[in-house]
PDB file of N, CA and C in Angstrom:
ATOM      1  N   MET A   1      27.544  27.553 -10.724  1.00  0.00           N
ATOM      2  CA  MET A   1      26.708  26.658  -9.769  1.00  0.00           C
ATOM      3  C   MET A   1      27.181  25.249 -10.297  1.00  0.00           C
ATOM      4  N   LYS A   2      27.683  24.753  -9.053  1.00  0.00           N
ATOM      5  CA  LYS A   2      28.272  23.262  -9.088  1.00  0.00           C
ATOM      6  C   LYS A   2      27.192  22.289  -9.129  1.00  0.00           C
ATOM      7  N   SER A   3      27.728  21.418  -9.974  1.00  0.00           N
ATOM      8  CA  SER A   3      26.706  20.063 -10.085  1.00  0.00           C
ATOM      9  C   SER A   3      27.086  19.100  -9.047  1.00  0.00           C
ATOM     10  N   ILE A   4      26.038  18.293  -8.681  1.00  0.00           N
ATOM     11  CA  ILE A   4      26.105  17.281  -7.947  1.00  0.00           C
ATOM     12  C   ILE A   4      27.059  15.944  -8.540  1.00  0.00           C
ATOM     13  N   PRO A   5      28.028  15.477  -7.798  1.00  0.00           N
ATOM     14  CA  PRO A   5      28.810  14.209  -8.318  1.00  0.00           C
ATOM     15  C   PRO A   5      28.030  13.297  -8.470  1.00  0.00           C
ATOM     16  N   PRO A   6      28.242  12.394  -9.681  1.00  0.00           N
ATOM     17  CA  PRO A   6      27.407  11.204 -10.017  1.00  0.00           C
ATOM     18  C   PRO A   6      27.145  10.206  -9.023  1.00  0.00           C
ATOM     19  N   ILE A   7      28.266  10.110  -8.109  1.00  0.00           N
ATOM     20  CA  ILE A   7      28.427   9.019  -7.262  1.00  0.00           C
ATOM     21  C   ILE A   7      27.233   9.292  -5.997  1.00  0.00           C
ATOM     22  N   ILE A   8      27.278  10.696  -5.790  1.00  0.00           N
ATOM     23  CA  ILE A   8      26.513  11.074  -4.587  1.00  0.00           C
ATOM     24  C   ILE A   8      25.195  11.041  -5.053  1.00  0.00           C
ATOM     25  N   SER A   9      24.817  11.172  -6.356  1.00  0.00           N
ATOM     26  CA  SER A   9      23.299  11.071  -6.778  1.00  0.00           C
ATOM     27  C   SER A   9      22.985   9.493  -7.005  1.00  0.00           C
ATOM     28  N   MET A  10      23.891   8.713  -7.167  1.00  0.00           N
ATOM     29  CA  MET A  10      23.545   7.370  -7.411  1.00  0.00           C
ATOM     30  C   MET A  10      23.256   6.943  -5.717  1.00  0.00           C
ATOM     31  N   ILE A  11      24.025   7.295  -4.870  1.00  0.00           N
ATOM     32  CA  ILE A  11      24.007   7.024  -3.208  1.00  0.00           C
ATOM     33  C   ILE A  11      22.454   7.151  -3.043  1.00  0.00           C
ATOM     34  N   GLY A  12      22.133   8.451  -3.327  1.00  0.00           N
ATOM     35  CA  GLY A  12      20.852   9.204  -2.913  1.00  0.00           C
ATOM     36  C   GLY A  12      19.789   8.614  -3.790  1.00  0.00           C
ATOM     37  N   LEU A  13      19.755   8.219  -4.698  1.00  0.00           N
ATOM     38  CA  LEU A  13      18.771   7.449  -5.304  1.00  0.00           C
ATOM     39  C   LEU A  13      18.582   5.916  -4.876  1.00  0.00           C
ATOM     40  N   ALA A  14      19.872   5.261  -4.653  1.00  0.00           N
ATOM     41  CA  ALA A  14      19.569   3.814  -4.172  1.00  0.00           C
ATOM     42  C   ALA A  14      19.044   3.898  -2.653  1.00  0.00           C
ATOM     43  N   THR A  15      19.218   4.971  -2.196  1.00  0.00           N
ATOM     44  CA  THR A  15      18.705   5.132  -0.725  1.00  0.00           C
ATOM     45  C   THR A  15      17.078   5.391  -0.835  1.00  0.00           C
ATOM     46  N   LEU A  16      16.815   6.136  -1.643  1.00  0.00           N
ATOM     47  CA  LEU A  16      15.301   6.311  -1.691  1.00  0.00           C
ATOM     48  C   LEU A  16      14.915   5.217  -2.274  1.00  0.00           C
ATOM     49  N   VAL A  17      15.054   4.554  -3.459  1.00  0.00           N
ATOM     50  CA  VAL A  17      14.573   3.351  -3.703  1.00  0.00           C
ATOM     51  C   VAL A  17      14.488   2.123  -2.738  1.00  0.00           C
ATOM     52  N   ALA A  18      15.592   1.830  -2.114  1.00  0.00           N
ATOM     53  CA  ALA A  18      15.664   0.885  -0.975  1.00  0.00           C
ATOM     54  C   ALA A  18      14.649   1.236   0.132  1.00  0.00           C
ATOM     55  N   GLY A  19      14.468   2.474   0.421  1.00  0.00           N
ATOM     56  CA  GLY A  19      13.350   2.664   1.745  1.00  0.00           C
ATOM     57  C   GLY A  19      12.007   2.408   1.120  1.00  0.00           C
ATOM     58  N   CYS A  20      11.579   2.599   0.022  1.00  0.00           N
ATOM     59  CA  CYS A  20      10.314   2.906  -0.320  1.00  0.00           C
ATOM     60  C   CYS A  20       9.448   1.743  -0.286  1.00  0.00           C
ATOM     61  N   ALA A  21       9.805   0.519  -0.523  1.00  0.00           N
ATOM     62  CA  ALA A  21       9.179  -0.724  -0.765  1.00  0.00           C
ATOM     63  C   ALA A  21       9.965  -2.020  -0.641  1.00  0.00           C
ATOM     64  N   THR A  22       9.540  -3.179  -0.508  1.00  0.00           N
ATOM     65  CA  THR A  22      10.116  -4.215  -0.650  1.00  0.00           C
ATOM     66  C   THR A  22      10.287  -4.902  -1.890  1.00  0.00           C
ATOM     67  N   THR A  23      10.827  -5.978  -2.128  1.00  0.00           N
ATOM     68  CA  THR A  23      11.037  -6.377  -3.428  1.00  0.00           C
ATOM     69  C   THR A  23       9.523  -6.988  -3.902  1.00  0.00           C
ATOM     70  N   ASP A  24       9.042  -7.540  -2.857  1.00  0.00           N
ATOM     71  CA  ASP A  24       7.606  -8.186  -3.298  1.00  0.00           C
ATOM     72  C   ASP A  24       6.515  -7.027  -3.460  1.00  0.00           C
ATOM     73  N   GLU A  25       6.621  -6.010  -2.675  1.00  0.00           N
ATOM     74  CA  GLU A  25       6.121  -4.866  -3.053  1.00  0.00           C
ATOM     75  C   GLU A  25       6.071  -4.323  -4.273  1.00  0.00           C
ATOM     76  N   TRP A  26       7.250  -4.065  -4.913  1.00  0.00           N
ATOM     77  CA  TRP A  26       7.504  -3.687  -6.192  1.00  0.00           C
ATOM     78  C   TRP A  26       7.026  -4.592  -7.277  1.00  0.00           C
ATOM     79  N   GLN A  27       7.271  -6.171  -7.048  1.00  0.00           N
ATOM     80  CA  GLN A  27       6.801  -6.734  -7.916  1.00  0.00           C
ATOM     81  C   GLN A  27       5.194  -6.582  -8.024  1.00  0.00           C
ATOM     82  N   ASP A  28       4.427  -6.547  -6.900  1.00  0.00           N
ATOM     83  CA  ASP A  28       3.331  -6.617  -6.864  1.00  0.00           C
ATOM     84  C   ASP A  28       2.355  -5.286  -7.782  1.00  0.00           C
ATOM     85  N   TRP A  29       3.255  -4.297  -7.351  1.00  0.00           N
ATOM     86  CA  TRP A  29       3.010  -2.909  -8.001  1.00  0.00           C
ATOM     87  C   TRP A  29       3.203  -2.793  -9.340  1.00  0.00           C
ATOM     88  N   ARG A  30       4.353  -3.476  -9.944  1.00  0.00           N
ATOM     89  CA  ARG A  30       4.609  -3.326 -11.353  1.00  0.00           C
ATOM     90  C   ARG A  30       3.617  -4.077 -12.132  1.00  0.00           C
ATOM     91  N   GLY A  31       2.575  -4.880 -11.596  1.00  0.00           N
ATOM     92  CA  GLY A  31       1.484  -5.522 -12.183  1.00  0.00           C
ATOM     93  C   GLY A  31       0.191  -4.942 -12.410  1.00  0.00           C
ATOM     94  N   HIS A  32       0.293  -3.606 -11.844  1.00  0.00           N
ATOM     95  CA  HIS A  32      -1.064  -2.639 -12.055  1.00  0.00           C
ATOM     96  C   HIS A  32      -0.451  -1.477 -12.406  1.00  0.00           C
ATOM     97  N   PRO A  33      -1.389  -0.604 -13.044  1.00  0.00           N
ATOM     98  CA  PRO A  33      -1.153   0.856 -13.399  1.00  0.00           C
ATOM     99  C   PRO A  33      -1.050   1.675 -12.567  1.00  0.00           C
ATOM    100  N   THR A  34      -1.907   1.718 -11.220  1.00  0.00           N
ATOM    101  CA  THR A  34      -1.843   2.502 -10.182  1.00  0.00           C
ATOM    102  C   THR A  34      -1.541   2.221  -8.922  1.00  0.00           C
ATOM    103  N   HIS A  35      -1.047   2.977  -8.145  1.00  0.00           N
ATOM    104  CA  HIS A  35      -0.564   2.584  -6.704  1.00  0.00           C
ATOM    105  C   HIS A  35      -1.890   1.920  -5.931  1.00  0.00           C
ATOM    106  N   PHE A  36      -3.219   2.276  -6.182  1.00  0.00           N
ATOM    107  CA  PHE A  36      -4.349   1.786  -5.542  1.00  0.00           C
ATOM    108  C   PHE A  36      -5.445   1.502  -6.424  1.00  0.00           C
ATOM    109  N   ALA A  37      -6.117   0.541  -6.278  1.00  0.00           N
ATOM    110  CA  ALA A  37      -7.434   0.365  -7.196  1.00  0.00           C
ATOM    111  C   ALA A  37      -8.597   1.245  -7.323  1.00  0.00           C
ATOM    112  N   SER A  38      -8.489   1.987  -6.289  1.00  0.00           N
ATOM    113  CA  SER A  38      -9.532   3.268  -6.141  1.00  0.00           C
ATOM    114  C   SER A  38      -9.354   4.208  -5.026  1.00  0.00           C
ATOM    115  N   GLY A  39      -9.913   5.062  -4.941  1.00  0.00           N
ATOM    116  CA  GLY A  39      -9.854   6.028  -3.646  1.00  0.00           C
ATOM    117  C   GLY A  39     -10.303   5.355  -2.623  1.00  0.00           C
ATOM    118  N   GLN A  40     -11.152   4.519  -2.452  1.00  0.00           N
ATOM    119  CA  GLN A  40     -11.711   3.585  -1.088  1.00  0.00           C
ATOM    120  C   GLN A  40     -10.363   2.812  -0.831  1.00  0.00           C
ATOM    121  N   HIS A  41      -9.715   2.093  -1.968  1.00  0.00           N
ATOM    122  CA  HIS A  41      -8.636   1.226  -1.561  1.00  0.00           C
ATOM    123  C   HIS A  41      -7.579   2.025  -0.833  1.00  0.00           C
ATOM    124  N   GLY A  42      -7.058   3.497  -1.461  1.00  0.00           N
ATOM    125  CA  GLY A  42      -6.276   4.162  -0.828  1.00  0.00           C
ATOM    126  C   GLY A  42      -6.577   4.633   0.384  1.00  0.00           C
ATOM    127  N   SER A  43      -7.822   5.053   0.828  1.00  0.00           N
ATOM    128  CA  SER A  43      -8.114   5.434   2.160  1.00  0.00           C
ATOM    129  C   SER A  43      -8.098   4.376   3.150  1.00  0.00           C
ATOM    130  N   PHE A  44      -8.465   3.264   2.693  1.00  0.00           N
ATOM    131  CA  PHE A  44      -8.341   1.899   3.598  1.00  0.00           C
ATOM    132  C   PHE A  44      -6.768   1.692   3.795  1.00  0.00           C
ATOM    133  N   SER A  45      -6.053   1.838   2.874  1.00  0.00           N
ATOM    134  CA  SER A  45      -4.696   1.637   3.044  1.00  0.00           C
ATOM    135  C   SER A  45      -3.955   2.528   3.995  1.00  0.00           C
ATOM    136  N   LEU A  46      -4.187   3.723   3.982  1.00  0.00           N
ATOM    137  CA  LEU A  46      -3.782   4.764   4.877  1.00  0.00           C
ATOM    138  C   LEU A  46      -4.385   4.759   6.275  1.00  0.00           C
ATOM    139  N   GLN A  47      -5.547   4.269   6.559  1.00  0.00           N
ATOM    140  CA  GLN A  47      -6.193   4.051   7.703  1.00  0.00           C
ATOM    141  C   GLN A  47      -5.661   2.901   8.631  1.00  0.00           C
ATOM    142  N   ASN A  48      -4.974   1.901   7.905  1.00  0.00           N
ATOM    143  CA  ASN A  48      -4.526   0.555   8.353  1.00  0.00           C
ATOM    144  C   ASN A  48      -3.188   0.485   8.497  1.00  0.00           C
ATOM    145  N   SER A  49      -2.460   0.089   9.489  1.00  0.00           N
ATOM    146  CA  SER A  49      -0.868  -0.073   9.583  1.00  0.00           C
ATOM    147  C   SER A  49      -0.476  -0.901   8.412  1.00  0.00           C
ATOM    148  N   LYS A  50       0.800  -0.909   8.006  1.00  0.00           N
ATOM    149  CA  LYS A  50       1.309  -1.650   7.033  1.00  0.00           C
ATOM    150  C   LYS A  50       1.436  -3.192   7.700  1.00  0.00           C
ATOM    151  N   ASP A  51       1.753  -3.388   8.902  1.00  0.00           N
ATOM    152  CA  ASP A  51       1.713  -4.899   9.633  1.00  0.00           C
ATOM    153  C   ASP A  51       0.470  -5.656   9.853  1.00  0.00           C
ATOM    154  N   GLY A  52      -0.653  -4.681   9.471  1.00  0.00           N
ATOM    155  CA  GLY A  52      -2.063  -5.159   9.684  1.00  0.00           C
ATOM    156  C   GLY A  52      -2.484  -5.325  11.125  1.00  0.00           C
ATOM    157  N   SER A  53      -1.737  -4.761  12.148  1.00  0.00           N
ATOM    158  CA  SER A  53      -1.976  -4.734  13.456  1.00  0.00           C
ATOM    159  C   SER A  53      -3.200  -3.710  13.475  1.00  0.00           C
ATOM    160  N   ASN A  54      -4.076  -4.111  14.366  1.00  0.00           N
ATOM    161  CA  ASN A  54      -5.174  -3.206  14.676  1.00  0.00           C
ATOM    162  C   ASN A  54      -6.103  -2.913  13.518  1.00  0.00           C
ATOM    163  N   PRO A  55      -6.482  -4.053  12.575  1.00  0.00           N
ATOM    164  CA  PRO A  55      -7.016  -3.565  11.613  1.00  0.00           C
ATOM    165  C   PRO A  55      -8.699  -2.974  11.605  1.00  0.00           C
ATOM    166  N   ARG A  56      -8.658  -1.945  10.609  1.00  0.00           N
ATOM    167  CA  ARG A  56     -10.366  -1.402  10.756  1.00  0.00           C
ATOM    168  C   ARG A  56     -10.833  -1.530   9.285  1.00  0.00           C
ATOM    169  N   VAL A  57     -11.798  -2.694   9.339  1.00  0.00           N
ATOM    170  CA  VAL A  57     -12.379  -3.168   8.058  1.00  0.00           C
ATOM    171  C   VAL A  57     -13.864  -2.984   8.238  1.00  0.00           C
ATOM    172  N   SER A  58     -14.444  -2.144   7.288  1.00  0.00           N
ATOM    173  CA  SER A  58     -15.950  -2.104   7.262  1.00  0.00           C
ATOM    174  C   SER A  58     -16.494  -3.168   6.258  1.00  0.00           C
ATOM    175  N   ARG A  59     -17.724  -3.536   6.430  1.00  0.00           N
ATOM    176  CA  ARG A  59     -18.350  -4.238   5.307  1.00  0.00           C
ATOM    177  C   ARG A  59     -18.199  -3.729   4.136  1.00  0.00           C
ATOM    178  N   LEU A  60     -18.157  -2.174   3.707  1.00  0.00           N
ATOM    179  CA  LEU A  60     -18.049  -1.877   2.572  1.00  0.00           C
ATOM    180  C   LEU A  60     -16.754  -2.034   2.066  1.00  0.00           C
ATOM    181  N   ASP A  61     -15.705  -1.961   3.089  1.00  0.00           N
ATOM    182  CA  ASP A  61     -14.389  -2.109   2.567  1.00  0.00           C
ATOM    183  C   ASP A  61     -14.109  -3.677   2.149  1.00  0.00           C
ATOM    184  N   PHE A  62     -14.822  -4.531   2.896  1.00  0.00           N
ATOM    185  CA  PHE A  62     -14.776  -5.716   2.491  1.00  0.00           C
ATOM    186  C   PHE A  62     -15.216  -6.204   0.974  1.00  0.00           C
ATOM    187  N   GLU A  63     -16.373  -5.496   0.668  1.00  0.00           N
ATOM    188  CA  GLU A  63     -17.174  -5.621  -0.655  1.00  0.00           C
ATOM    189  C   GLU A  63     -16.307  -5.069  -1.763  1.00  0.00           C
ATOM    190  N   ALA A  64     -15.831  -3.890  -1.521  1.00  0.00           N
ATOM    191  CA  ALA A  64     -15.243  -3.277  -2.595  1.00  0.00           C
ATOM    192  C   ALA A  64     -13.759  -3.647  -2.941  1.00  0.00           C
ATOM    193  N   ALA A  65     -13.091  -4.439  -1.884  1.00  0.00           N
ATOM    194  CA  ALA A  65     -11.983  -5.179  -2.013  1.00  0.00           C
ATOM    195  C   ALA A  65     -12.135  -6.211  -2.963  1.00  0.00           C
ATOM    196  N   LYS A  66     -13.205  -7.044  -2.745  1.00  0.00           N
ATOM    197  CA  LYS A  66     -13.719  -7.850  -3.934  1.00  0.00           C
ATOM    198  C   LYS A  66     -14.067  -7.744  -4.973  1.00  0.00           C
ATOM    199  N   THR A  67     -14.871  -6.591  -5.106  1.00  0.00           N
ATOM    200  CA  THR A  67     -15.597  -6.014  -6.523  1.00  0.00           C
ATOM    201  C   THR A  67     -14.022  -5.313  -7.207  1.00  0.00           C
ATOM    202  N   GLU A  68     -13.423  -4.484  -6.809  1.00  0.00           N
ATOM    203  CA  GLU A  68     -12.476  -3.598  -7.249  1.00  0.00           C
ATOM    204  C   GLU A  68     -11.065  -4.746  -7.725  1.00  0.00           C
ATOM    205  N   ARG A  69     -11.041  -5.732  -6.743  1.00  0.00           N
ATOM    206  CA  ARG A  69      -9.789  -6.502  -6.816  1.00  0.00           C
ATOM    207  C   ARG A  69      -8.585  -5.899  -6.201  1.00  0.00           C
ATOM    208  N   TRP A  70      -8.719  -5.532  -4.995  1.00  0.00           N
ATOM    209  CA  TRP A  70      -7.559  -4.826  -4.484  1.00  0.00           C
ATOM    210  C   TRP A  70      -6.326  -5.695  -4.582  1.00  0.00           C
ATOM    211  N   TRP A  71      -5.366  -4.957  -4.361  1.00  0.00           N
ATOM    212  CA  TRP A  71      -3.888  -5.803  -4.578  1.00  0.00           C
ATOM    213  C   TRP A  71      -3.094  -5.136  -3.251  1.00  0.00           C
ATOM    214  N   GLY A  72      -1.956  -5.737  -2.821  1.00  0.00           N
ATOM    215  CA  GLY A  72      -1.122  -5.308  -1.777  1.00  0.00           C
ATOM    216  C   GLY A  72      -1.079  -6.330  -0.688  1.00  0.00           C
ATOM    217  N   LYS A  73      -0.470  -6.121   0.618  1.00  0.00           N
ATOM    218  CA  LYS A  73      -0.519  -7.117   1.667  1.00  0.00           C
ATOM    219  C   LYS A  73      -1.868  -7.284   2.012  1.00  0.00           C
ATOM    220  N   VAL A  74      -2.515  -8.475   2.332  1.00  0.00           N
ATOM    221  CA  VAL A  74      -3.715  -8.719   2.871  1.00  0.00           C
ATOM    222  C   VAL A  74      -3.889  -8.411   4.310  1.00  0.00           C
ATOM    223  N   ILE A  75      -5.115  -7.815   4.694  1.00  0.00           N
ATOM    224  CA  ILE A  75      -5.438  -7.540   6.196  1.00  0.00           C
ATOM    225  C   ILE A  75      -6.419  -8.580   6.453  1.00  0.00           C
ATOM    226  N   THR A  76      -6.043  -9.460   7.356  1.00  0.00           N
ATOM    227  CA  THR A  76      -7.115 -10.666   7.586  1.00  0.00           C
ATOM    228  C   THR A  76      -7.677 -10.303   8.997  1.00  0.00           C
ATOM    229  N   VAL A  77      -8.886 -10.547   8.936  1.00  0.00           N
ATOM    230  CA  VAL A  77      -9.663 -10.300  10.149  1.00  0.00           C
ATOM    231  C   VAL A  77     -10.989 -11.316  10.456  1.00  0.00           C
ATOM    232  N   LYS A  78     -11.269 -11.380  11.570  1.00  0.00           N
ATOM    233  CA  LYS A  78     -12.368 -12.307  11.887  1.00  0.00           C
ATOM    234  C   LYS A  78     -13.669 -11.441  11.365  1.00  0.00           C
ATOM    235  N   PRO A  79     -14.637 -12.639  11.142  1.00  0.00           N
ATOM    236  CA  PRO A  79     -16.043 -11.865  10.672  1.00  0.00           C
ATOM    237  C   PRO A  79     -16.371 -10.765  12.118  1.00  0.00           C
ATOM    238  N   GLU A  80     -16.278 -11.151  13.257  1.00  0.00           N
ATOM    239  CA  GLU A  80     -16.616 -10.256  14.455  1.00  0.00           C
ATOM    240  C   GLU A  80     -15.924  -9.026  14.367  1.00  0.00           C
ATOM    241  N   GLN A  81     -14.841  -8.947  13.799  1.00  0.00           N
ATOM    242  CA  GLN A  81     -14.110  -7.534  13.536  1.00  0.00           C
ATOM    243  C   GLN A  81     -14.444  -6.568  12.508  1.00  0.00           C
ATOM    244  N   ILE A  82     -15.256  -7.128  11.719  1.00  0.00           N
ATOM    245  CA  ILE A  82     -15.663  -6.214  10.604  1.00  0.00           C
ATOM    246  C   ILE A  82     -16.961  -5.413  10.989  1.00  0.00           C
ATOM    247  N   PHE A  83     -16.933  -4.145  10.877  1.00  0.00           N
ATOM    248  CA  PHE A  83     -18.027  -3.249  11.529  1.00  0.00           C
ATOM    249  C   PHE A  83     -18.791  -2.792  10.413  1.00  0.00           C
ATOM    250  N   GLU A  84     -19.880  -2.282  10.680  1.00  0.00           N
ATOM    251  CA  GLU A  84     -20.859  -1.557   9.750  1.00  0.00           C
ATOM    252  C   GLU A  84     -20.837  -0.226  10.033  1.00  0.00           C
ATOM    253  N   PRO A  85     -20.452   0.503   9.042  1.00  0.00           N
ATOM    254  CA  PRO A  85     -20.053   2.059   9.038  1.00  0.00           C
ATOM    255  C   PRO A  85     -21.428   2.769   9.671  1.00  0.00           C
ATOM    256  N   GLY A  86     -21.234   3.761  10.317  1.00  0.00           N
ATOM    257  CA  GLY A  86     -22.554   4.289  10.830  1.00  0.00           C
ATOM    258  C   GLY A  86     -23.047   5.631  10.243  1.00  0.00           C
TER     259      GLY A  86
END
């Protein structure tokens, strides 16, 4: 079985690392032991787009973000955009 040349491995690794996150995101994540503060934080992040367009923020999300001290890109909403879960 042939091994992969080191240069190919390095190019592949650089491509993966560069495509995963921005420098600011890496810096932010290095300061925390996990990717998300909680399951609710992870769920919130997955349901909202990275650019913050068309945000879905519930009152529970808002309170959990304060209590759990969520990190990452801030999603800004107006008070009338915050919904009460049904």
